[in-house]
Amino acid sequence: MTTLAQAQAKLAEYQAAETRILEAQEVRAQSGGVDHWEKQTELALVQKGIAQWQRTVDTLSASAAGVGNFGGLSYSTANFGNSSSRFS
């Protein structure tokens, strides 16, 4: 099972890769490079990985904080206190 620290490290790696790809695209766009399509494909794959790892980090963070998660949505349960009601 992946730990929160491992997921955060992977997310950081993917974000760094995205930055490198974007910086390389800027240089190639200025020089009229022919590998623009390949870089767009790489960028799409890296961005997909970022989304995946961000979801993993969010889920593990919520779990560590004691927040419930169901289908990617976080939730909390109501605590109505003791059995006596102020409405009785």
Protein backbone atom coordinates (compact mmCIF):
# COMPACT_ATOMS: atom_id res chain seq x y z
CA MET A 1 0.00 0.00 0.00
CA THR A 2 1.19 3.49 -0.82
CA THR A 3 1.92 5.81 2.08
CA LEU A 4 1.04 9.49 2.11
CA ALA A 5 4.74 10.40 1.91
CA GLN A 6 5.25 8.15 -1.11
CA ALA A 7 2.19 9.61 -2.86
CA GLN A 8 3.36 13.15 -2.16
CA ALA A 9 6.81 12.31 -3.56
CA LYS A 10 5.30 10.84 -6.74
CA LEU A 11 3.05 13.87 -7.14
CA ALA A 12 6.08 16.15 -6.84
CA GLU A 13 7.96 14.08 -9.45
CA TYR A 14 5.07 14.34 -11.90
CA GLN A 15 4.75 18.08 -11.30
CA ALA A 16 8.48 18.52 -11.94
CA ALA A 17 8.15 16.50 -15.16
CA GLU A 18 5.26 18.71 -16.27
CA THR A 19 7.41 21.80 -15.70
CA ARG A 20 10.29 20.32 -17.71
CA ILE A 21 7.96 19.44 -20.61
CA LEU A 22 6.39 22.91 -20.62
CA GLU A 23 9.80 24.59 -20.54
CA ALA A 24 11.00 22.38 -23.41
CA GLN A 25 7.90 23.25 -25.43
CA GLU A 26 8.59 26.96 -25.03
CA VAL A 27 12.10 26.54 -26.43
CA ARG A 28 10.91 24.37 -29.33
CA ALA A 29 8.03 26.71 -30.13
CA GLN A 30 10.52 29.53 -30.54
CA SER A 31 12.78 27.44 -32.75
CA GLY A 32 10.00 25.82 -34.80
CA GLY A 33 10.68 22.27 -33.58
CA VAL A 34 8.92 19.30 -35.21
CA ASP A 35 8.36 17.27 -32.06
CA HIS A 36 5.47 19.38 -30.78
CA TRP A 37 2.99 16.49 -31.09
CA GLU A 38 5.21 14.17 -29.09
CA LYS A 39 5.58 16.72 -26.31
CA GLN A 40 1.80 17.26 -26.20
CA THR A 41 1.34 13.49 -25.80
CA GLU A 42 3.94 13.37 -23.03
CA LEU A 43 2.31 16.36 -21.35
CA ALA A 44 -1.13 14.74 -21.46
CA LEU A 45 0.23 11.55 -19.88
CA VAL A 46 2.07 13.46 -17.16
CA GLN A 47 -1.01 15.56 -16.39
CA LYS A 48 -3.06 12.38 -16.12
CA GLY A 49 -0.49 11.07 -13.64
CA ILE A 50 -0.66 14.32 -11.68
CA ALA A 51 -4.44 13.99 -11.39
CA GLN A 52 -4.11 10.37 -10.26
CA TRP A 53 -1.47 11.11 -7.63
CA GLN A 54 -3.35 14.20 -6.43
CA ARG A 55 -6.42 12.02 -5.81
CA THR A 56 -4.25 9.51 -3.93
CA VAL A 57 -2.69 12.28 -1.80
CA ASP A 58 -6.13 13.76 -1.09
CA THR A 59 -7.56 10.37 -0.09
CA LEU A 60 -4.62 9.49 2.15
CA SER A 61 -4.60 12.98 3.70
CA ALA A 62 -8.30 12.76 4.46
CA SER A 63 -7.85 9.31 5.94
CA ALA A 64 -5.01 10.53 8.14
CA ALA A 65 -7.17 13.43 9.30
CA GLY A 66 -10.04 11.10 10.13
CA VAL A 67 -12.31 12.44 7.38
CA GLY A 68 -14.41 9.80 5.65
CA ASN A 69 -14.20 9.26 1.90
CA PHE A 70 -16.74 7.57 -0.34
CA GLY A 71 -16.22 7.42 -4.09
CA GLY A 72 -13.72 10.27 -3.96
CA LEU A 73 -16.06 12.50 -1.97
CA SER A 74 -15.25 13.32 1.61
CA TYR A 75 -17.90 13.32 4.27
CA SER A 76 -18.32 13.60 7.98
CA THR A 77 -20.94 12.16 10.26
CA ALA A 78 -23.19 14.21 12.46
CA ASN A 79 -22.81 13.98 16.22
CA PHE A 80 -25.99 15.02 17.94
CA GLY A 81 -24.48 14.73 21.39
CA ASN A 82 -26.27 12.93 24.19
CA SER A 83 -29.67 11.30 23.98
CA SER A 84 -31.56 14.19 25.53
CA SER A 85 -32.96 16.62 23.05
CA ARG A 86 -33.51 20.30 23.54
CA PHE A 87 -36.63 19.96 21.38
CA SER A 88 -38.53 17.62 23.76
